[in-house]
């Protein structure tokens, strides 16, 4: 089976891109998939996960001019290529002088599934709405060869902003919004500090179940229904 490329992207930093990428990659590797985790950000920290000896998981630096061309090669070597992108936009024309934006553009043109995390904060919501417009352009250009899904991160049912975000998102885009929201929880950060997935660090926490349900949804979109989480 040809490997699938999943990119986690949003023009707003700090919304949980790296957390989503790391958790998906580690949990997939722990379930037997051969996974490549890529940090494509100049100052990213995903490479730290390479210090762990996780069976079936390889971690590499993707902040290189040649990296997008290598994605087709990696498809033949891995079941899942998980790319953590930088918090910048990526114009569809790909002619920006900024290397990071150009790199994001080239990665997105080869992506099978785009995950767009958003958190309930005013700045994150505004930037995400703008990025969604960019994502819609990529989906249109891909002519059915690319999927996308939006996931609400750091959700709290007690806050008005969280409730309004969940209510309004589906009315603003045709991109599907996951019903599996990831709640705000301190153990997510603690797991990241220890370079663990949440399901390794605190598998019985409610947020771990949130993540497993979202991962199940992602794997079904990719055709990995046989992966049991």
C-alpha atoms as a PDB file:
ATOM      1  CA  UNK A   1       0.000   0.000   0.000  1.00  0.00           C
ATOM      2  CA  UNK A   2       1.267   3.455  -0.883  1.00  0.00           C
ATOM      3  CA  UNK A   3       1.909   5.583   2.181  1.00  0.00           C
ATOM      4  CA  UNK A   4      -0.363   8.476   3.101  1.00  0.00           C
ATOM      5  CA  UNK A   5       0.856  12.023   3.723  1.00  0.00           C
ATOM      6  CA  UNK A   6      -0.894  13.869   6.538  1.00  0.00           C
ATOM      7  CA  UNK A   7      -0.052  17.522   7.152  1.00  0.00           C
ATOM      8  CA  UNK A   8      -1.078  19.442  10.248  1.00  0.00           C
ATOM      9  CA  UNK A   9      -1.327  23.114   9.360  1.00  0.00           C
ATOM     10  CA  UNK A  10      -2.645  26.485  10.428  1.00  0.00           C
ATOM     11  CA  UNK A  11      -1.219  29.960   9.881  1.00  0.00           C
ATOM     12  CA  UNK A  12      -1.590  30.584  13.633  1.00  0.00           C
ATOM     13  CA  UNK A  13       1.102  29.119  15.838  1.00  0.00           C
ATOM     14  CA  UNK A  14       0.331  27.624  19.226  1.00  0.00           C
ATOM     15  CA  UNK A  15      -2.985  25.988  18.310  1.00  0.00           C
ATOM     16  CA  UNK A  16      -1.776  22.420  18.792  1.00  0.00           C
ATOM     17  CA  UNK A  17      -0.237  21.487  15.438  1.00  0.00           C
ATOM     18  CA  UNK A  18       2.856  19.855  16.901  1.00  0.00           C
ATOM     19  CA  UNK A  19       0.837  18.140  19.625  1.00  0.00           C
ATOM     20  CA  UNK A  20      -1.542  16.646  17.062  1.00  0.00           C
ATOM     21  CA  UNK A  21       1.287  15.512  14.798  1.00  0.00           C
ATOM     22  CA  UNK A  22       3.280  13.920  17.625  1.00  0.00           C
ATOM     23  CA  UNK A  23       0.320  12.120  19.176  1.00  0.00           C
ATOM     24  CA  UNK A  24      -0.899  10.753  15.857  1.00  0.00           C
ATOM     25  CA  UNK A  25       2.584   9.627  14.837  1.00  0.00           C
ATOM     26  CA  UNK A  26       3.463   7.953  18.142  1.00  0.00           C
ATOM     27  CA  UNK A  27       0.096   6.251  18.594  1.00  0.00           C
ATOM     28  CA  UNK A  28       0.128   4.991  15.000  1.00  0.00           C
ATOM     29  CA  UNK A  29       3.659   3.620  15.430  1.00  0.00           C
ATOM     30  CA  UNK A  30       2.681   1.937  18.691  1.00  0.00           C
ATOM     31  CA  UNK A  31      -0.158   0.228  16.816  1.00  0.00           C
ATOM     32  CA  UNK A  32       2.176  -1.196  14.188  1.00  0.00           C
ATOM     33  CA  UNK A  33       2.156   1.328  11.353  1.00  0.00           C
ATOM     34  CA  UNK A  34       5.530   2.316   9.901  1.00  0.00           C
ATOM     35  CA  UNK A  35       5.557   6.067  10.533  1.00  0.00           C
ATOM     36  CA  UNK A  36       7.733   8.988   9.444  1.00  0.00           C
ATOM     37  CA  UNK A  37       7.345  12.115  11.596  1.00  0.00           C
ATOM     38  CA  UNK A  38       8.613  15.280   9.922  1.00  0.00           C
ATOM     39  CA  UNK A  39       9.359  18.667  11.469  1.00  0.00           C
ATOM     40  CA  UNK A  40       9.266  21.160   8.593  1.00  0.00           C
ATOM     41  CA  UNK A  41       9.642  24.259  10.760  1.00  0.00           C
ATOM     42  CA  UNK A  42      12.976  26.066  10.977  1.00  0.00           C
ATOM     43  CA  UNK A  43      12.876  26.357  14.754  1.00  0.00           C
ATOM     44  CA  UNK A  44      10.662  23.352  15.439  1.00  0.00           C
ATOM     45  CA  UNK A  45      11.039  21.009  18.385  1.00  0.00           C
ATOM     46  CA  UNK A  46       9.625  17.804  16.917  1.00  0.00           C
ATOM     47  CA  UNK A  47      13.122  16.457  16.342  1.00  0.00           C
ATOM     48  CA  UNK A  48      13.361  15.924  20.109  1.00  0.00           C
ATOM     49  CA  UNK A  49      11.076  12.903  19.671  1.00  0.00           C
ATOM     50  CA  UNK A  50      13.895  11.291  17.730  1.00  0.00           C
ATOM     51  CA  UNK A  51      15.734  10.918  21.037  1.00  0.00           C
ATOM     52  CA  UNK A  52      13.204   8.242  21.998  1.00  0.00           C
ATOM     53  CA  UNK A  53      13.635   4.728  20.696  1.00  0.00           C
ATOM     54  CA  UNK A  54      10.112   4.086  19.412  1.00  0.00           C
ATOM     55  CA  UNK A  55       9.650   1.026  17.244  1.00  0.00           C
ATOM     56  CA  UNK A  56       8.210   1.841  13.799  1.00  0.00           C
ATOM     57  CA  UNK A  57       8.824   5.607  14.196  1.00  0.00           C
ATOM     58  CA  UNK A  58      11.434   7.660  12.341  1.00  0.00           C
ATOM     59  CA  UNK A  59      11.808  11.400  12.983  1.00  0.00           C
ATOM     60  CA  UNK A  60      13.481  13.721  10.460  1.00  0.00           C
ATOM     61  CA  UNK A  61      14.039  17.393   9.697  1.00  0.00           C
ATOM     62  CA  UNK A  62      11.948  18.597   6.749  1.00  0.00           C
ATOM     63  CA  UNK A  63      13.177  22.200   6.697  1.00  0.00           C
ATOM     64  CA  UNK A  64      15.134  21.618   3.511  1.00  0.00           C
ATOM     65  CA  UNK A  65      14.643  22.694  -0.082  1.00  0.00           C
ATOM     66  CA  UNK A  66      14.719  19.110  -1.351  1.00  0.00           C
ATOM     67  CA  UNK A  67      12.255  17.735   1.200  1.00  0.00           C
ATOM     68  CA  UNK A  68       8.995  18.108  -0.797  1.00  0.00           C
ATOM     69  CA  UNK A  69      10.507  16.144  -3.682  1.00  0.00           C
ATOM     70  CA  UNK A  70      11.400  13.336  -1.281  1.00  0.00           C
ATOM     71  CA  UNK A  71       7.789  12.870  -0.194  1.00  0.00           C
ATOM     72  CA  UNK A  72       7.062  10.639  -3.176  1.00  0.00           C
ATOM     73  CA  UNK A  73      10.024   8.460  -2.187  1.00  0.00           C
ATOM     74  CA  UNK A  74       8.864   8.276   1.422  1.00  0.00           C
ATOM     75  CA  UNK A  75       5.435   7.091   0.265  1.00  0.00           C
ATOM     76  CA  UNK A  76       7.069   3.842  -0.811  1.00  0.00           C
ATOM     77  CA  UNK A  77       8.843   3.325   2.524  1.00  0.00           C
ATOM     78  CA  UNK A  78       6.265   4.308   5.156  1.00  0.00           C
ATOM     79  CA  UNK A  79       2.591   3.691   5.843  1.00  0.00           C
ATOM     80  CA  UNK A  80       2.128   7.178   7.264  1.00  0.00           C
ATOM     81  CA  UNK A  81       4.108  10.371   6.714  1.00  0.00           C
ATOM     82  CA  UNK A  82       3.090  12.895   9.375  1.00  0.00           C
ATOM     83  CA  UNK A  83       4.232  16.458   8.637  1.00  0.00           C
ATOM     84  CA  UNK A  84       4.196  19.199  11.250  1.00  0.00           C
ATOM     85  CA  UNK A  85       4.165  22.498   9.348  1.00  0.00           C
ATOM     86  CA  UNK A  86       5.128  25.981  10.499  1.00  0.00           C
ATOM     87  CA  UNK A  87       2.582  28.568  11.616  1.00  0.00           C
ATOM     88  CA  UNK A  88       2.616  30.580   8.404  1.00  0.00           C
ATOM     89  CA  UNK A  89       0.236  30.823   5.480  1.00  0.00           C
ATOM     90  CA  UNK A  90       0.928  29.152   2.147  1.00  0.00           C
ATOM     91  CA  UNK A  91      -0.349  30.913  -0.941  1.00  0.00           C
ATOM     92  CA  UNK A  92      -1.485  28.534  -3.651  1.00  0.00           C
ATOM     93  CA  UNK A  93       0.828  30.178  -6.194  1.00  0.00           C
ATOM     94  CA  UNK A  94       3.865  29.307  -4.097  1.00  0.00           C
ATOM     95  CA  UNK A  95       5.845  32.284  -5.374  1.00  0.00           C
ATOM     96  CA  UNK A  96       6.456  34.027  -2.058  1.00  0.00           C
ATOM     97  CA  UNK A  97      10.036  34.989  -1.223  1.00  0.00           C
ATOM     98  CA  UNK A  98       9.648  33.522   2.249  1.00  0.00           C
ATOM     99  CA  UNK A  99      11.178  30.031   2.191  1.00  0.00           C
ATOM    100  CA  UNK A 100       8.983  28.737   5.014  1.00  0.00           C
ATOM    101  CA  UNK A 101       5.799  29.736   3.182  1.00  0.00           C
ATOM    102  CA  UNK A 102       7.085  28.238  -0.060  1.00  0.00           C
ATOM    103  CA  UNK A 103       7.954  25.021   1.764  1.00  0.00           C
ATOM    104  CA  UNK A 104       4.472  24.858   3.286  1.00  0.00           C
ATOM    105  CA  UNK A 105       2.966  25.343  -0.162  1.00  0.00           C
ATOM    106  CA  UNK A 106       4.960  22.499  -1.712  1.00  0.00           C
ATOM    107  CA  UNK A 107       4.108  20.175   1.169  1.00  0.00           C
ATOM    108  CA  UNK A 108       0.388  20.937   0.938  1.00  0.00           C
ATOM    109  CA  UNK A 109       0.313  20.193  -2.790  1.00  0.00           C
ATOM    110  CA  UNK A 110       1.422  16.618  -1.988  1.00  0.00           C
ATOM    111  CA  UNK A 111      -0.809  16.131   1.058  1.00  0.00           C
ATOM    112  CA  UNK A 112      -3.492  13.430   1.203  1.00  0.00           C
ATOM    113  CA  UNK A 113      -5.132  14.658   4.402  1.00  0.00           C
ATOM    114  CA  UNK A 114      -4.868  18.138   5.883  1.00  0.00           C
ATOM    115  CA  UNK A 115      -5.635  18.498   9.590  1.00  0.00           C
ATOM    116  CA  UNK A 116      -6.483  22.043  10.689  1.00  0.00           C
ATOM    117  CA  UNK A 117      -6.479  22.494  14.471  1.00  0.00           C
ATOM    118  CA  UNK A 118      -8.160  25.559  15.948  1.00  0.00           C
ATOM    119  CA  UNK A 119      -8.416  26.684  19.538  1.00  0.00           C
ATOM    120  CA  UNK A 120     -11.089  28.934  21.068  1.00  0.00           C
ATOM    121  CA  UNK A 121      -9.181  32.207  21.300  1.00  0.00           C
ATOM    122  CA  UNK A 122     -10.053  35.364  19.304  1.00  0.00           C
ATOM    123  CA  UNK A 123      -6.702  35.630  17.493  1.00  0.00           C
ATOM    124  CA  UNK A 124      -6.564  31.903  16.699  1.00  0.00           C
ATOM    125  CA  UNK A 125     -10.107  31.954  15.351  1.00  0.00           C
ATOM    126  CA  UNK A 126      -9.462  34.955  13.073  1.00  0.00           C
ATOM    127  CA  UNK A 127      -6.250  33.482  11.680  1.00  0.00           C
ATOM    128  CA  UNK A 128      -7.822  30.060  11.253  1.00  0.00           C
ATOM    129  CA  UNK A 129     -10.720  31.482   9.264  1.00  0.00           C
ATOM    130  CA  UNK A 130      -8.215  33.074   6.874  1.00  0.00           C
ATOM    131  CA  UNK A 131      -6.232  29.842   6.621  1.00  0.00           C
ATOM    132  CA  UNK A 132      -9.407  27.880   5.908  1.00  0.00           C
ATOM    133  CA  UNK A 133      -9.885  29.996   2.784  1.00  0.00           C
ATOM    134  CA  UNK A 134      -6.375  29.020   1.697  1.00  0.00           C
ATOM    135  CA  UNK A 135      -7.098  25.357   2.441  1.00  0.00           C
ATOM    136  CA  UNK A 136     -10.273  25.483   0.354  1.00  0.00           C
ATOM    137  CA  UNK A 137      -8.186  26.666  -2.607  1.00  0.00           C
ATOM    138  CA  UNK A 138      -5.848  23.693  -2.209  1.00  0.00           C
ATOM    139  CA  UNK A 139      -8.774  21.293  -2.004  1.00  0.00           C
ATOM    140  CA  UNK A 140     -10.273  22.725  -5.176  1.00  0.00           C
ATOM    141  CA  UNK A 141      -6.957  22.510  -7.014  1.00  0.00           C
ATOM    142  CA  UNK A 142      -6.458  18.899  -5.855  1.00  0.00           C
ATOM    143  CA  UNK A 143      -9.670  17.831  -7.632  1.00  0.00           C
ATOM    144  CA  UNK A 144     -10.633  15.181  -5.117  1.00  0.00           C
ATOM    145  CA  UNK A 145      -7.122  13.917  -4.357  1.00  0.00           C
ATOM    146  CA  UNK A 146      -6.927  15.703  -1.013  1.00  0.00           C
ATOM    147  CA  UNK A 147      -9.091  15.619   2.096  1.00  0.00           C
ATOM    148  CA  UNK A 148      -9.217  18.020   5.030  1.00  0.00           C
ATOM    149  CA  UNK A 149     -10.685  18.073   8.509  1.00  0.00           C
ATOM    150  CA  UNK A 150     -10.886  20.757  11.192  1.00  0.00           C
ATOM    151  CA  UNK A 151     -10.504  19.819  14.849  1.00  0.00           C
ATOM    152  CA  UNK A 152     -11.235  22.028  17.849  1.00  0.00           C
ATOM    153  CA  UNK A 153      -8.393  21.877  20.351  1.00  0.00           C
ATOM    154  CA  UNK A 154      -8.257  23.023  24.008  1.00  0.00           C
ATOM    155  CA  UNK A 155     -12.047  22.880  24.123  1.00  0.00           C
ATOM    156  CA  UNK A 156     -13.974  23.766  27.266  1.00  0.00           C
ATOM    157  CA  UNK A 157     -17.745  23.352  27.322  1.00  0.00           C
ATOM    158  CA  UNK A 158     -17.875  25.892  30.150  1.00  0.00           C
ATOM    159  CA  UNK A 159     -16.655  28.794  28.001  1.00  0.00           C
ATOM    160  CA  UNK A 160     -18.881  30.781  25.678  1.00  0.00           C
ATOM    161  CA  UNK A 161     -16.122  31.116  23.069  1.00  0.00           C
ATOM    162  CA  UNK A 162     -15.725  27.337  22.813  1.00  0.00           C
ATOM    163  CA  UNK A 163     -19.452  26.822  22.384  1.00  0.00           C
ATOM    164  CA  UNK A 164     -19.729  29.574  19.771  1.00  0.00           C
ATOM    165  CA  UNK A 165     -16.750  28.214  17.845  1.00  0.00           C
ATOM    166  CA  UNK A 166     -18.288  24.735  17.665  1.00  0.00           C
ATOM    167  CA  UNK A 167     -21.625  26.231  16.630  1.00  0.00           C
ATOM    168  CA  UNK A 168     -20.301  28.604  13.959  1.00  0.00           C
ATOM    169  CA  UNK A 169     -17.465  26.661  12.292  1.00  0.00           C
ATOM    170  CA  UNK A 170     -19.666  24.326  10.198  1.00  0.00           C
ATOM    171  CA  UNK A 171     -21.578  27.312   8.803  1.00  0.00           C
ATOM    172  CA  UNK A 172     -18.426  29.042   7.535  1.00  0.00           C
ATOM    173  CA  UNK A 173     -16.798  26.307   5.456  1.00  0.00           C
ATOM    174  CA  UNK A 174     -17.518  23.106   3.582  1.00  0.00           C
ATOM    175  CA  UNK A 175     -14.464  21.496   5.182  1.00  0.00           C
ATOM    176  CA  UNK A 176     -15.736  18.886   7.673  1.00  0.00           C
ATOM    177  CA  UNK A 177     -15.414  19.760  11.351  1.00  0.00           C
ATOM    178  CA  UNK A 178     -14.653  16.791  13.585  1.00  0.00           C
ATOM    179  CA  UNK A 179     -17.214  16.068  16.267  1.00  0.00           C
ATOM    180  CA  UNK A 180     -14.357  14.700  18.358  1.00  0.00           C
ATOM    181  CA  UNK A 181     -13.188  17.830  20.141  1.00  0.00           C
ATOM    182  CA  UNK A 182      -9.981  17.702  22.203  1.00  0.00           C
ATOM    183  CA  UNK A 183     -10.614  19.130  25.648  1.00  0.00           C
ATOM    184  CA  UNK A 184      -8.212  21.398  27.490  1.00  0.00           C
ATOM    185  CA  UNK A 185      -6.154  19.359  29.958  1.00  0.00           C
ATOM    186  CA  UNK A 186      -2.887  19.858  31.812  1.00  0.00           C
ATOM    187  CA  UNK A 187      -1.708  16.316  31.116  1.00  0.00           C
ATOM    188  CA  UNK A 188      -1.366  17.154  27.409  1.00  0.00           C
ATOM    189  CA  UNK A 189       1.482  19.537  28.205  1.00  0.00           C
ATOM    190  CA  UNK A 190       2.980  17.144  30.739  1.00  0.00           C
ATOM    191  CA  UNK A 191       3.035  14.365  28.145  1.00  0.00           C
ATOM    192  CA  UNK A 192       4.774  16.694  25.694  1.00  0.00           C
ATOM    193  CA  UNK A 193       7.432  17.572  28.274  1.00  0.00           C
ATOM    194  CA  UNK A 194       8.180  13.859  28.682  1.00  0.00           C
ATOM    195  CA  UNK A 195       8.113  13.298  24.891  1.00  0.00           C
ATOM    196  CA  UNK A 196       5.168  10.930  25.257  1.00  0.00           C
ATOM    197  CA  UNK A 197       1.816  10.767  23.565  1.00  0.00           C
ATOM    198  CA  UNK A 198      -1.119  11.486  25.860  1.00  0.00           C
ATOM    199  CA  UNK A 199      -2.194   7.860  25.486  1.00  0.00           C
ATOM    200  CA  UNK A 200       1.205   6.748  26.758  1.00  0.00           C
ATOM    201  CA  UNK A 201       1.313   9.274  29.591  1.00  0.00           C
ATOM    202  CA  UNK A 202      -2.276   9.201  30.869  1.00  0.00           C
ATOM    203  CA  UNK A 203      -4.378   6.671  28.919  1.00  0.00           C
ATOM    204  CA  UNK A 204      -7.271   6.789  31.384  1.00  0.00           C
ATOM    205  CA  UNK A 205      -7.776  10.562  31.224  1.00  0.00           C
ATOM    206  CA  UNK A 206     -10.808  11.861  29.340  1.00  0.00           C
ATOM    207  CA  UNK A 207      -8.591  13.837  26.960  1.00  0.00           C
ATOM    208  CA  UNK A 208      -6.837  10.585  26.000  1.00  0.00           C
ATOM    209  CA  UNK A 209     -10.206   9.216  24.897  1.00  0.00           C
ATOM    210  CA  UNK A 210     -10.827  12.442  22.944  1.00  0.00           C
ATOM    211  CA  UNK A 211      -7.561  11.901  21.124  1.00  0.00           C
ATOM    212  CA  UNK A 212      -8.227   8.214  20.430  1.00  0.00           C
ATOM    213  CA  UNK A 213     -11.629   9.032  18.929  1.00  0.00           C
ATOM    214  CA  UNK A 214     -10.131  11.724  16.715  1.00  0.00           C
ATOM    215  CA  UNK A 215      -7.304   9.425  15.649  1.00  0.00           C
ATOM    216  CA  UNK A 216      -9.843   6.734  14.774  1.00  0.00           C
ATOM    217  CA  UNK A 217     -11.612   9.268  12.567  1.00  0.00           C
ATOM    218  CA  UNK A 218      -8.341  10.218  10.881  1.00  0.00           C
ATOM    219  CA  UNK A 219      -7.324   6.611  10.242  1.00  0.00           C
ATOM    220  CA  UNK A 220     -10.729   5.855   8.741  1.00  0.00           C
ATOM    221  CA  UNK A 221     -10.325   8.801   6.357  1.00  0.00           C
ATOM    222  CA  UNK A 222      -6.938   7.388   5.337  1.00  0.00           C
ATOM    223  CA  UNK A 223      -8.273   3.870   4.854  1.00  0.00           C
ATOM    224  CA  UNK A 224      -6.494   2.491   7.930  1.00  0.00           C
ATOM    225  CA  UNK A 225      -9.631   0.999   9.496  1.00  0.00           C
ATOM    226  CA  UNK A 226      -7.664  -2.027  10.661  1.00  0.00           C
ATOM    227  CA  UNK A 227      -5.705   0.100  13.149  1.00  0.00           C
ATOM    228  CA  UNK A 228      -7.227  -0.509  16.581  1.00  0.00           C
ATOM    229  CA  UNK A 229      -6.800   2.332  19.062  1.00  0.00           C
END
